[in-house]
Amino acid sequence: MKIANSLRSLKKRHMKCRTVRRKGRIYVINKQNPRFKARQG
């Protein structure tokens, strides 16, 4: 999982990437290709 300052560029890596807020953190999750996971905060 990448920990990034800005998830904006990471969200565009794949069509199925979506951003989710959980417990004050912002995550990029991708069911199809889990290696695109990322977190901010």
PDB file of N, CA and C in Angstrom:
ATOM      1  N   MET A   1       0.837  -1.191   0.000  1.00  0.00           N
ATOM      2  CA  MET A   1       0.000   0.000   0.000  1.00  0.00           C
ATOM      3  C   MET A   1       0.876   1.248   0.000  1.00  0.00           C
ATOM      4  N   LYS A   2       0.574   2.151  -0.898  1.00  0.00           N
ATOM      5  CA  LYS A   2       1.299   3.418  -0.955  1.00  0.00           C
ATOM      6  C   LYS A   2       0.696   4.395   0.039  1.00  0.00           C
ATOM      7  N   ILE A   3       1.542   5.184   0.698  1.00  0.00           N
ATOM      8  CA  ILE A   3       1.069   6.277   1.542  1.00  0.00           C
ATOM      9  C   ILE A   3       1.494   7.564   0.867  1.00  0.00           C
ATOM     10  N   ALA A   4       0.509   8.355   0.421  1.00  0.00           N
ATOM     11  CA  ALA A   4       0.812   9.476  -0.464  1.00  0.00           C
ATOM     12  C   ALA A   4       0.311  10.786   0.117  1.00  0.00           C
ATOM     13  N   ASN A   5       0.964  11.875  -0.296  1.00  0.00           N
ATOM     14  CA  ASN A   5       0.501  13.197   0.102  1.00  0.00           C
ATOM     15  C   ASN A   5      -0.769  13.566  -0.635  1.00  0.00           C
ATOM     16  N   SER A   6      -0.840  13.202  -1.894  1.00  0.00           N
ATOM     17  CA  SER A   6      -2.017  13.512  -2.692  1.00  0.00           C
ATOM     18  C   SER A   6      -2.452  12.268  -3.441  1.00  0.00           C
ATOM     19  N   LEU A   7      -3.729  11.946  -3.328  1.00  0.00           N
ATOM     20  CA  LEU A   7      -4.235  10.746  -3.992  1.00  0.00           C
ATOM     21  C   LEU A   7      -4.779  11.038  -5.368  1.00  0.00           C
ATOM     22  N   ARG A   8      -4.706  12.294  -5.786  1.00  0.00           N
ATOM     23  CA  ARG A   8      -5.342  12.669  -7.045  1.00  0.00           C
ATOM     24  C   ARG A   8      -4.752  11.929  -8.233  1.00  0.00           C
ATOM     25  N   SER A   9      -3.427  11.836  -8.287  1.00  0.00           N
ATOM     26  CA  SER A   9      -2.790  11.138  -9.411  1.00  0.00           C
ATOM     27  C   SER A   9      -2.969   9.631  -9.295  1.00  0.00           C
ATOM     28  N   LEU A  10      -3.023   9.129  -8.051  1.00  0.00           N
ATOM     29  CA  LEU A  10      -3.140   7.684  -7.867  1.00  0.00           C
ATOM     30  C   LEU A  10      -4.523   7.185  -8.263  1.00  0.00           C
ATOM     31  N   LYS A  11      -5.507   8.072  -8.160  1.00  0.00           N
ATOM     32  CA  LYS A  11      -6.866   7.681  -8.513  1.00  0.00           C
ATOM     33  C   LYS A  11      -7.006   7.443 -10.004  1.00  0.00           C
ATOM     34  N   LYS A  12      -6.165   8.115 -10.796  1.00  0.00           N
ATOM     35  CA  LYS A  12      -6.270   8.005 -12.254  1.00  0.00           C
ATOM     36  C   LYS A  12      -5.490   6.826 -12.833  1.00  0.00           C
ATOM     37  N   ARG A  13      -4.882   6.028 -11.968  1.00  0.00           N
ATOM     38  CA  ARG A  13      -4.049   4.947 -12.493  1.00  0.00           C
ATOM     39  C   ARG A  13      -4.860   3.846 -13.172  1.00  0.00           C
ATOM     40  N   HIS A  14      -6.106   3.679 -12.734  1.00  0.00           N
ATOM     41  CA  HIS A  14      -6.911   2.577 -13.244  1.00  0.00           C
ATOM     42  C   HIS A  14      -8.362   3.004 -13.256  1.00  0.00           C
ATOM     43  N   MET A  15      -9.114   2.395 -14.150  1.00  0.00           N
ATOM     44  CA  MET A  15     -10.517   2.783 -14.299  1.00  0.00           C
ATOM     45  C   MET A  15     -11.339   2.456 -13.050  1.00  0.00           C
ATOM     46  N   LYS A  16     -11.000   1.362 -12.369  1.00  0.00           N
ATOM     47  CA  LYS A  16     -11.812   0.880 -11.262  1.00  0.00           C
ATOM     48  C   LYS A  16     -11.393   1.454  -9.899  1.00  0.00           C
ATOM     49  N   CYS A  17     -10.415   2.346  -9.894  1.00  0.00           N
ATOM     50  CA  CYS A  17      -9.963   2.934  -8.630  1.00  0.00           C
ATOM     51  C   CYS A  17     -11.029   3.865  -8.067  1.00  0.00           C
ATOM     52  N   ARG A  18     -11.317   3.725  -6.767  1.00  0.00           N
ATOM     53  CA  ARG A  18     -12.230   4.686  -6.137  1.00  0.00           C
ATOM     54  C   ARG A  18     -11.701   5.125  -4.784  1.00  0.00           C
ATOM     55  N   THR A  19     -12.027   6.342  -4.414  1.00  0.00           N
ATOM     56  CA  THR A  19     -11.569   6.875  -3.130  1.00  0.00           C
ATOM     57  C   THR A  19     -12.656   6.676  -2.089  1.00  0.00           C
ATOM     58  N   VAL A  20     -12.233   6.309  -0.877  1.00  0.00           N
ATOM     59  CA  VAL A  20     -13.146   6.017   0.219  1.00  0.00           C
ATOM     60  C   VAL A  20     -12.602   6.668   1.483  1.00  0.00           C
ATOM     61  N   ARG A  21     -13.478   7.248   2.293  1.00  0.00           N
ATOM     62  CA  ARG A  21     -13.073   7.786   3.595  1.00  0.00           C
ATOM     63  C   ARG A  21     -13.409   6.786   4.680  1.00  0.00           C
ATOM     64  N   ARG A  22     -12.409   6.446   5.482  1.00  0.00           N
ATOM     65  CA  ARG A  22     -12.633   5.560   6.619  1.00  0.00           C
ATOM     66  C   ARG A  22     -11.824   6.066   7.790  1.00  0.00           C
ATOM     67  N   LYS A  23     -12.498   6.343   8.908  1.00  0.00           N
ATOM     68  CA  LYS A  23     -11.847   6.752  10.156  1.00  0.00           C
ATOM     69  C   LYS A  23     -10.911   7.933   9.940  1.00  0.00           C
ATOM     70  N   GLY A  24     -11.345   8.909   9.152  1.00  0.00           N
ATOM     71  CA  GLY A  24     -10.541  10.111   8.946  1.00  0.00           C
ATOM     72  C   GLY A  24      -9.405   9.945   7.968  1.00  0.00           C
ATOM     73  N   ARG A  25      -9.262   8.772   7.406  1.00  0.00           N
ATOM     74  CA  ARG A  25      -8.222   8.550   6.402  1.00  0.00           C
ATOM     75  C   ARG A  25      -8.888   8.375   5.054  1.00  0.00           C
ATOM     76  N   ILE A  26      -8.158   8.727   4.017  1.00  0.00           N
ATOM     77  CA  ILE A  26      -8.695   8.589   2.668  1.00  0.00           C
ATOM     78  C   ILE A  26      -7.936   7.463   1.984  1.00  0.00           C
ATOM     79  N   TYR A  27      -8.677   6.530   1.416  1.00  0.00           N
ATOM     80  CA  TYR A  27      -8.085   5.362   0.780  1.00  0.00           C
ATOM     81  C   TYR A  27      -8.449   5.323  -0.691  1.00  0.00           C
ATOM     82  N   VAL A  28      -7.531   4.791  -1.488  1.00  0.00           N
ATOM     83  CA  VAL A  28      -7.853   4.421  -2.864  1.00  0.00           C
ATOM     84  C   VAL A  28      -7.918   2.908  -2.878  1.00  0.00           C
ATOM     85  N   ILE A  29      -9.065   2.371  -3.279  1.00  0.00           N
ATOM     86  CA  ILE A  29      -9.203   0.914  -3.327  1.00  0.00           C
ATOM     87  C   ILE A  29      -9.546   0.484  -4.736  1.00  0.00           C
ATOM     88  N   ASN A  30      -9.130  -0.733  -5.057  1.00  0.00           N
ATOM     89  CA  ASN A  30      -9.376  -1.280  -6.383  1.00  0.00           C
ATOM     90  C   ASN A  30      -9.575  -2.786  -6.233  1.00  0.00           C
ATOM     91  N   LYS A  31     -10.812  -3.224  -6.447  1.00  0.00           N
ATOM     92  CA  LYS A  31     -11.109  -4.654  -6.297  1.00  0.00           C
ATOM     93  C   LYS A  31     -10.424  -5.490  -7.373  1.00  0.00           C
ATOM     94  N   GLN A  32     -10.347  -4.944  -8.582  1.00  0.00           N
ATOM     95  CA  GLN A  32      -9.817  -5.721  -9.700  1.00  0.00           C
ATOM     96  C   GLN A  32      -8.308  -5.918  -9.587  1.00  0.00           C
ATOM     97  N   ASN A  33      -7.604  -4.855  -9.185  1.00  0.00           N
ATOM     98  CA  ASN A  33      -6.147  -4.934  -9.111  1.00  0.00           C
ATOM     99  C   ASN A  33      -5.680  -4.348  -7.782  1.00  0.00           C
ATOM    100  N   PRO A  34      -5.567  -5.168  -6.735  1.00  0.00           N
ATOM    101  CA  PRO A  34      -5.301  -4.672  -5.384  1.00  0.00           C
ATOM    102  C   PRO A  34      -3.946  -3.999  -5.207  1.00  0.00           C
ATOM    103  N   ARG A  35      -3.059  -4.077  -6.177  1.00  0.00           N
ATOM    104  CA  ARG A  35      -1.768  -3.414  -5.979  1.00  0.00           C
ATOM    105  C   ARG A  35      -1.869  -1.896  -6.119  1.00  0.00           C
ATOM    106  N   PHE A  36      -3.020  -1.382  -6.529  1.00  0.00           N
ATOM    107  CA  PHE A  36      -3.206   0.064  -6.620  1.00  0.00           C
ATOM    108  C   PHE A  36      -3.720   0.666  -5.320  1.00  0.00           C
ATOM    109  N   LYS A  37      -3.714  -0.099  -4.224  1.00  0.00           N
ATOM    110  CA  LYS A  37      -4.184   0.444  -2.960  1.00  0.00           C
ATOM    111  C   LYS A  37      -3.291   1.586  -2.493  1.00  0.00           C
ATOM    112  N   ALA A  38      -3.928   2.624  -1.924  1.00  0.00           N
ATOM    113  CA  ALA A  38      -3.157   3.753  -1.403  1.00  0.00           C
ATOM    114  C   ALA A  38      -3.916   4.367  -0.240  1.00  0.00           C
ATOM    115  N   ARG A  39      -3.167   5.161   0.559  1.00  0.00           N
ATOM    116  CA  ARG A  39      -3.760   5.762   1.733  1.00  0.00           C
ATOM    117  C   ARG A  39      -3.191   7.155   1.915  1.00  0.00           C
ATOM    118  N   GLN A  40      -4.026   8.047   2.473  1.00  0.00           N
ATOM    119  CA  GLN A  40      -3.559   9.394   2.810  1.00  0.00           C
ATOM    120  C   GLN A  40      -4.055   9.735   4.209  1.00  0.00           C
ATOM    121  N   GLY A  41      -3.172  10.349   5.030  1.00  0.00           N
ATOM    122  CA  GLY A  41      -3.584  10.798   6.358  1.00  0.00           C
ATOM    123  C   GLY A  41      -3.375   9.749   7.437  1.00  0.00           C
TER     124      GLY A  41
END
